[in-house]
Amino acid sequence: ILYFKGDIENYQTVKEIILFNYGYLSKYNITTLDSKNGYMIYSSAQAEVTYTTTYWNLKGGGKLICTEAYSCDTICSSGLSFMTFIDGVYEDLDLIEVIPECENINQTLSPHNLNGELLEFKFNLPQNGRDITYCLDDECLILKWKDDFFSINK
């Protein structure tokens, strides 16, 4: 049994949902499942969001798990969420803990395009390899995995 950072209240809620099969459980369609590489792409039957999940091994043991959510509305965009899984415990992380330079990503790519226009952007998680690609419209950069965090490859 996995506990979410000692949060017994939410753990009990999830347990009850599973036991009583409440109607608001989401069903997901898995389009890619690569168990060997710890990589999965899936989407909810109720929403137009595609999720990609993968993980990296941490130096001190445990895993860094990342999920990218990609959707299109006025523009297509994606966001990342990170958590660690260490000794059977999950812990959410802020983006800046994993990508310290995250506030500089858009300035690194085409700052001249950031004049109020809506720009499409997407994070691409690796199925093979360790680096994340970030694309803003047609320009991309690599977020390089090293020492348990990502940095902009310049």
Foldseek 3Di string as FASTA:
>chain_A
DFDAVPPVVVVVVVVCCVVVVDPPDWDKDWPDDDPVLQWTWIDTPVDQKIKIKGWDAAPVGWIKIKIKIWHADVAIEIDIWIWTQHPRYIDTDDQCVAEVCVVCPVVVPPPVPVPPDDWYKYWAQDSDDHWIWIDTHHDIWIFDDDNRHTYTDD
